[in-house]
Structures are given as C-alpha cells and as structure tokens.
Amino acid sequence: MPMPDWLRSRRGKGADTRDAALWSKCPVCGEVLYRRDLAANLFVCTKCEHHFRMHAYDRINMLIDGDFTEIGAAVQAGDPLEWVDKKTYPVKIAGDKEKSGLSEGVVAGIGTMDGFEVALGVMDFHFRGGTMGTVVGERLTMLLEEARRRHLPCIIFTASGGARMEEGMFALMQMAKTTAAVTRLMDDGNLFVTVLTDPTTGGVSASFAFESDVVVAEPKAMIGFAGRRVIEQTIRQKLPDQFQTAEFLLEKGAIDMVVDRHDLKNTLVRLLQYTSQKQVRALQQVQDKL
C-alpha cells in the first residue's frame, strides 16, 4: 500500500535520510535486501522472516484506512532535571527529532481500520529507544481518555527500552498515570488491545503493555522487564535461549497470541468485529428488557 502524501509529509527530513539507503542487511540471516522490496513486504525479511523494527508512520500506514487525526502532537518535552552528560537533554531530543522524523517516542490518534473507528497509539524505538517520558505518558493518556470519551476501542503498539532516565521520577510516574487511564477505559467496557513489538521492556512492560483485554506480540519480539544479562548475573544461572521472546511468553501463558505482521491487521479487525457484535447483542438484550 503506497504511503499517503499527508503521512509522507509528516515524516520530515529525518525520514528522507533513512529512506535514502537503497539496501538493508538482515541482522539475523545476513541477507542483503533492496529497501523498496523490504518496505513492500512490511519490513519482514524475505529469506528468514525476521521482523525489522518499523517506523511509527509506516505502521500507521499499514493499519489505517485513510485519514489519521493525531492527538497530543503539541505536547513536547521539557527539561525538568536539567540533565547534562556529554550532551544536554534538549540537544539529545533535537537530534532524535532530526534522525527519526518524529516529535517524540509515540504517535497517537484516531482513525479507521477496515471501517472501524479506533484510537491508535504507536511507539517508535527510533526515538530515544522508545523510552517513556512525560510526553509519551501524556500522549498515551490523552489517547486513552479520548477513546473512553468517544467509546472507542484502543490499540497500542509498544516498542520501548523502559523509562527515560533523563526525566528521572517524572518518567517513572508515567507508569501509574497510564495504568490509571487504562483502568478507567476498561471499566467503561471499552476494548483495549496491546501489540508488543521488538523490544518491549522496562516500565512499559511493567504497566499498560500487559493490562489489555488481548495481548498480541510479533514473532521473536524481545519482551521483558530487566535485561537478560542483568537477570543472569542476579540469579547466577544461565537462562533458556528463547527466554524473553514472544514465543517463550506465549508458551508460559503471559500473552494471548503471536501474529505475523502480514496477518496483524486482519487479526485486529477480527477482534474489533467480535467486540462490535458483542456490544450490539448486549444493547439488544437491554432494549428487550425495557
């Protein structure tokens, strides 16, 4: 599916630099892939089916029928701790904006998926490793609250290295903030689905990522809280080779399904259809009692 002009224009200069590369090498099998062919295959390796990390706007284009109305785009990062190491925090943010073509680590908004209106949030690892700071937490909370107000299903794609250290406790507070918003959304009977992509770790995995009605994951996605080396050093044991992969979590019952990217939209649409039919039946039962 070609990218709409409105979406391409939002990608900015950083996206143009990223798209300038003609070839990409698969990090798993080493296959050299023509980038246009890779994009046409939804950034899945044609040889070993490795799922590359997707840009947020590529993901939205894959899922949304047409227009996508962003929520929280005006919310921008401050510098609450005045963090400085080799670079100041504002300089880091500016650099990530330039490289990724994004204004922050998540894009959130309202659109339609096969005719179903949905609230959609897509985190992007290309922006500061998808870390959750005040802006990411605020945009997701705004999305969840808008979905609740409009009685819409909400789908969030996660990709995160955890809480953003440059914001300290302010970043950690986003775990409670998003969790509270999820609780309010689900208490009102709205469908909430999370799709865990590579990687989903830290504060995101410890909060809203696993609080949904249905937890979906992409194949081989790395999902966990602490890193593998940290755990091994702590317990002084060797972990299984498949530890913290989507398939391992599915085997242990921590997630509901692992879905190939090519089948992802159809799977989400089936969930939306089921929920819609269930709501219609519930409404008819109420009307029958009146």
Protein backbone atom coordinates (compact mmCIF):
# COMPACT_ATOMS: atom_id res chain seq x y z
CA MET A 1 0.00 0.00 0.00
CA PRO A 2 1.59 3.35 -1.01
CA MET A 3 2.07 5.92 1.73
CA PRO A 4 -0.46 8.80 1.56
CA ASP A 5 1.01 12.26 0.89
CA TRP A 6 -0.29 13.57 4.22
CA LEU A 7 1.64 10.86 6.04
CA ARG A 8 4.80 11.24 4.00
CA SER A 9 4.88 14.97 4.68
CA ARG A 10 4.75 14.34 8.43
CA ARG A 11 7.83 12.17 8.23
CA GLY A 12 10.13 15.16 7.74
CA LYS A 13 13.78 15.43 6.86
CA GLY A 14 14.92 12.60 9.15
CA ALA A 15 12.72 10.12 7.33
CA ASP A 16 14.17 11.18 3.99
CA THR A 17 17.66 10.34 5.25
CA ARG A 18 16.50 6.96 6.47
CA ASP A 19 14.77 6.15 3.17
CA ALA A 20 17.84 7.20 1.17
CA ALA A 21 19.55 3.87 1.84
CA LEU A 22 18.91 1.53 -1.07
CA TRP A 23 19.81 -1.68 0.75
CA SER A 24 19.31 -3.13 4.23
CA LYS A 25 21.08 -6.12 5.73
CA CYS A 26 19.04 -8.57 7.78
CA PRO A 27 20.60 -8.75 11.28
CA VAL A 28 19.55 -12.41 11.63
CA CYS A 29 20.40 -14.18 8.37
CA GLY A 30 22.66 -11.55 6.78
CA GLU A 31 20.59 -11.33 3.59
CA VAL A 32 21.04 -8.03 1.73
CA LEU A 33 17.59 -6.70 0.85
CA TYR A 34 16.52 -3.99 -1.58
CA ARG A 35 14.80 -1.46 0.63
CA ARG A 36 11.78 -0.95 -1.63
CA ASP A 37 11.16 -4.69 -1.64
CA LEU A 38 11.60 -4.78 2.12
CA ALA A 39 9.07 -1.97 2.58
CA ALA A 40 6.63 -3.70 0.22
CA ASN A 41 6.93 -6.81 2.41
CA LEU A 42 6.10 -4.75 5.54
CA PHE A 43 9.75 -4.76 6.64
CA VAL A 44 9.86 -8.53 7.03
CA CYS A 45 12.93 -10.35 5.69
CA THR A 46 12.00 -12.35 2.60
CA LYS A 47 14.53 -15.04 3.47
CA CYS A 48 14.22 -15.71 7.23
CA GLU A 49 11.05 -13.70 8.05
CA HIS A 50 12.83 -11.56 10.62
CA HIS A 51 10.58 -8.64 11.59
CA PHE A 52 12.52 -5.39 11.32
CA ARG A 53 11.59 -2.54 13.66
CA MET A 54 9.06 -0.31 11.93
CA HIS A 55 8.80 3.45 11.84
CA ALA A 56 5.62 4.69 13.53
CA TYR A 57 4.22 6.25 10.36
CA ASP A 58 4.92 3.10 8.33
CA ARG A 59 2.99 1.18 10.98
CA ILE A 60 0.06 3.61 10.85
CA ASN A 61 0.01 3.46 7.06
CA MET A 62 -0.12 -0.34 7.29
CA LEU A 63 -3.19 -0.27 9.53
CA ILE A 64 -5.27 2.86 8.97
CA ASP A 65 -7.68 3.17 6.04
CA GLY A 66 -7.19 6.86 5.29
CA ASP A 67 -7.02 9.95 7.45
CA PHE A 68 -5.42 9.83 10.87
CA THR A 69 -6.08 12.64 13.35
CA GLU A 70 -3.22 12.97 15.79
CA ILE A 71 -3.73 13.52 19.50
CA GLY A 72 -1.22 15.28 21.72
CA ALA A 73 1.13 16.34 18.91
CA ALA A 74 1.54 19.74 20.58
CA VAL A 75 2.83 18.16 23.80
CA GLN A 76 6.61 18.49 23.76
CA ALA A 77 9.40 17.51 26.15
CA GLY A 78 10.77 19.90 28.75
CA ASP A 79 13.98 19.54 30.75
CA PRO A 80 12.74 19.01 34.32
CA LEU A 81 16.07 17.81 35.73
CA GLU A 82 18.31 19.99 33.53
CA TRP A 83 20.14 16.76 32.71
CA VAL A 84 23.64 17.04 31.30
CA ASP A 85 26.17 14.35 30.38
CA LYS A 86 28.05 14.50 27.07
CA LYS A 87 25.06 16.41 25.69
CA THR A 88 22.19 18.27 27.30
CA TYR A 89 18.77 16.67 27.21
CA PRO A 90 17.29 19.27 24.78
CA VAL A 91 20.19 18.61 22.38
CA LYS A 92 19.50 14.86 22.54
CA ILE A 93 15.80 15.46 21.82
CA ALA A 94 16.61 17.72 18.88
CA GLY A 95 18.97 15.11 17.45
CA ASP A 96 16.35 12.37 17.70
CA LYS A 97 13.77 14.59 16.00
CA GLU A 98 16.18 15.15 13.14
CA LYS A 99 17.12 11.48 12.72
CA SER A 100 13.70 9.91 13.19
CA GLY A 101 11.36 12.47 11.66
CA LEU A 102 9.26 12.20 14.84
CA SER A 103 8.48 14.76 17.52
CA GLU A 104 8.53 12.13 20.30
CA GLY A 105 8.59 8.41 21.05
CA VAL A 106 4.90 7.79 20.28
CA VAL A 107 2.37 8.83 17.66
CA ALA A 108 -1.24 8.72 18.87
CA GLY A 109 -4.52 9.50 17.17
CA ILE A 110 -7.90 8.45 15.80
CA GLY A 111 -8.50 6.68 12.51
CA THR A 112 -10.46 3.85 10.92
CA MET A 113 -9.32 0.28 10.47
CA ASP A 114 -11.37 -1.59 7.88
CA GLY A 115 -14.20 0.82 8.67
CA PHE A 116 -13.96 0.52 12.46
CA GLU A 117 -13.06 3.77 14.21
CA VAL A 118 -10.21 3.16 16.64
CA ALA A 119 -7.86 5.03 18.93
CA LEU A 120 -4.35 4.02 17.91
CA GLY A 121 -1.02 4.63 19.61
CA VAL A 122 2.28 3.55 18.04
CA MET A 123 5.56 3.73 19.95
CA ASP A 124 8.78 4.03 17.94
CA PHE A 125 12.16 2.68 19.06
CA HIS A 126 13.93 5.07 16.69
CA PHE A 127 13.22 7.98 19.06
CA ARG A 128 15.38 7.66 22.20
CA GLY A 129 14.92 3.91 22.20
CA GLY A 130 11.15 4.26 22.65
CA THR A 131 11.72 5.32 26.25
CA MET A 132 8.66 6.51 28.15
CA GLY A 133 8.98 10.04 29.46
CA THR A 134 6.41 12.66 30.33
CA VAL A 135 5.43 13.30 26.70
CA VAL A 136 4.93 9.63 25.84
CA GLY A 137 2.92 9.11 29.04
CA GLU A 138 0.82 12.22 28.42
CA ARG A 139 0.08 11.41 24.78
CA LEU A 140 -0.95 7.85 25.63
CA THR A 141 -3.12 9.07 28.49
CA MET A 142 -4.78 11.61 26.22
CA LEU A 143 -5.41 8.84 23.69
CA LEU A 144 -6.93 6.53 26.31
CA GLU A 145 -9.13 9.33 27.70
CA GLU A 146 -10.33 10.28 24.21
CA ALA A 147 -11.13 6.63 23.47
CA ARG A 148 -13.09 6.47 26.72
CA ARG A 149 -14.97 9.72 25.95
CA ARG A 150 -15.91 8.52 22.47
CA HIS A 151 -16.45 4.87 23.49
CA LEU A 152 -13.83 3.65 21.02
CA PRO A 153 -11.61 0.55 21.13
CA CYS A 154 -7.98 1.44 21.79
CA ILE A 155 -4.94 -0.33 20.30
CA ILE A 156 -1.40 0.50 21.38
CA PHE A 157 1.77 -0.83 19.74
CA THR A 158 4.63 -0.92 22.21
CA ALA A 159 8.35 -0.60 21.47
CA SER A 160 10.36 0.60 24.41
CA GLY A 161 13.64 0.42 26.26
CA GLY A 162 11.93 1.47 29.50
CA ALA A 163 11.58 4.74 31.41
CA ARG A 164 13.57 7.76 30.21
CA MET A 165 16.44 8.32 32.64
CA GLU A 166 16.86 12.00 31.72
CA GLU A 167 13.48 12.68 33.34
CA GLY A 168 14.00 10.56 36.46
CA MET A 169 10.96 10.23 38.71
CA PHE A 170 8.81 12.18 36.26
CA ALA A 171 9.28 9.33 33.77
CA LEU A 172 8.56 6.63 36.36
CA MET A 173 5.29 8.37 37.28
CA GLN A 174 4.02 7.69 33.76
CA MET A 175 3.60 4.02 34.69
CA ALA A 176 0.93 4.89 37.25
CA LYS A 177 -0.57 7.57 35.03
CA THR A 178 -1.10 5.31 32.01
CA THR A 179 -2.26 2.42 34.20
CA ALA A 180 -4.96 4.61 35.76
CA ALA A 181 -6.12 5.72 32.31
CA VAL A 182 -6.28 2.10 31.13
CA THR A 183 -8.35 1.15 34.18
CA ARG A 184 -10.88 3.92 33.50
CA LEU A 185 -11.11 2.91 29.83
CA MET A 186 -11.70 -0.77 30.56
CA ASP A 187 -14.07 -0.11 33.47
CA ASP A 188 -16.35 1.61 30.95
CA GLY A 189 -16.38 -1.56 28.83
CA ASN A 190 -14.11 -0.40 26.01
CA LEU A 191 -11.84 -2.86 24.22
CA PHE A 192 -8.13 -2.38 24.88
CA VAL A 193 -5.53 -4.29 22.86
CA THR A 194 -1.73 -4.08 23.05
CA VAL A 195 0.63 -5.32 20.37
CA LEU A 196 4.12 -5.94 21.75
CA THR A 197 6.88 -5.37 19.23
CA ASP A 198 10.65 -5.67 19.48
CA PRO A 199 11.67 -4.66 22.08
CA THR A 200 9.13 -4.08 24.86
CA THR A 201 10.91 -3.74 28.18
CA GLY A 202 11.17 -1.82 31.44
CA GLY A 203 8.40 0.46 32.67
CA VAL A 204 6.20 -0.08 29.61
CA SER A 205 6.15 -3.86 30.09
CA ALA A 206 5.52 -3.30 33.81
CA SER A 207 2.49 -1.08 33.19
CA PHE A 208 -0.02 -0.76 30.35
CA ALA A 209 1.59 -3.30 27.97
CA PHE A 210 0.20 -6.29 29.88
CA GLU A 211 -3.04 -4.72 31.16
CA SER A 212 -5.09 -5.12 27.99
CA ASP A 213 -8.00 -7.40 27.15
CA VAL A 214 -5.86 -9.07 24.48
CA VAL A 215 -2.05 -9.09 24.43
CA VAL A 216 -0.64 -9.71 20.95
CA ALA A 217 3.05 -9.93 20.01
CA GLU A 218 5.06 -10.02 16.81
CA PRO A 219 7.28 -13.06 16.16
CA LYS A 220 10.62 -13.18 18.01
CA ALA A 221 9.97 -9.85 19.72
CA MET A 222 12.09 -9.36 22.83
CA ILE A 223 9.73 -8.78 25.76
CA GLY A 224 10.63 -8.46 29.41
CA PHE A 225 11.42 -6.12 32.27
CA ALA A 226 15.12 -6.31 33.13
CA GLY A 227 17.74 -7.26 30.57
CA ARG A 228 18.87 -10.84 30.11
CA ARG A 229 22.41 -10.20 31.39
CA VAL A 230 21.11 -8.42 34.50
CA ILE A 231 18.87 -11.36 35.35
CA GLU A 232 21.60 -13.95 34.76
CA GLN A 233 24.03 -12.02 36.93
CA THR A 234 21.41 -11.65 39.66
CA ILE A 235 20.25 -15.28 39.85
CA ARG A 236 23.64 -16.69 38.73
CA GLN A 237 22.00 -19.08 36.31
CA LYS A 238 22.00 -19.50 32.54
CA LEU A 239 18.63 -18.62 31.03
CA PRO A 240 17.00 -20.59 28.17
CA ASP A 241 17.92 -19.47 24.66
CA GLN A 242 14.34 -18.42 23.89
CA PHE A 243 13.92 -16.55 27.17
CA GLN A 244 12.07 -13.21 26.81
CA THR A 245 10.93 -13.94 23.26
CA ALA A 246 7.28 -13.65 22.23
CA GLU A 247 7.11 -17.41 21.65
CA PHE A 248 8.50 -18.14 25.12
CA LEU A 249 5.92 -15.86 26.74
CA LEU A 250 3.13 -17.46 24.71
CA GLU A 251 4.23 -20.91 25.90
CA LYS A 252 4.15 -19.68 29.52
CA GLY A 253 0.72 -18.08 29.13
CA ALA A 254 1.89 -14.48 29.55
CA ILE A 255 0.48 -13.32 26.19
CA ASP A 256 -2.50 -14.38 24.10
CA MET A 257 -1.10 -14.78 20.60
CA VAL A 258 1.91 -14.30 18.35
CA VAL A 259 0.91 -12.93 14.96
CA ASP A 260 2.98 -12.46 11.81
CA ARG A 261 2.98 -8.86 10.62
CA HIS A 262 1.24 -9.79 7.37
CA ASP A 263 -1.72 -11.15 9.34
CA LEU A 264 -1.76 -8.46 12.00
CA LYS A 265 -4.34 -6.09 10.56
CA ASN A 266 -6.80 -8.91 9.80
CA THR A 267 -6.36 -10.25 13.34
CA LEU A 268 -7.05 -6.85 14.88
CA VAL A 269 -10.07 -6.33 12.63
CA ARG A 270 -11.49 -9.71 13.76
CA LEU A 271 -11.14 -8.57 17.38
CA LEU A 272 -12.95 -5.34 16.52
CA GLN A 273 -15.71 -7.27 14.74
CA TYR A 274 -16.18 -9.60 17.68
CA THR A 275 -16.35 -6.74 20.15
CA SER A 276 -18.77 -4.80 17.96
CA GLN A 277 -21.08 -7.80 17.63
CA LYS A 278 -20.90 -8.39 21.38
CA GLN A 279 -21.86 -4.77 22.10
CA VAL A 280 -24.79 -4.97 19.69
CA ARG A 281 -26.07 -8.14 21.39
CA ALA A 282 -25.72 -6.54 24.82
CA LEU A 283 -27.64 -3.46 23.64
CA GLN A 284 -30.40 -5.63 22.18
CA GLN A 285 -30.70 -7.51 25.50
CA VAL A 286 -31.08 -4.22 27.34
CA GLN A 287 -33.69 -3.00 24.87
CA ASP A 288 -35.60 -6.30 25.17
CA LYS A 289 -35.87 -5.81 28.92
CA LEU A 290 -37.35 -2.32 28.56
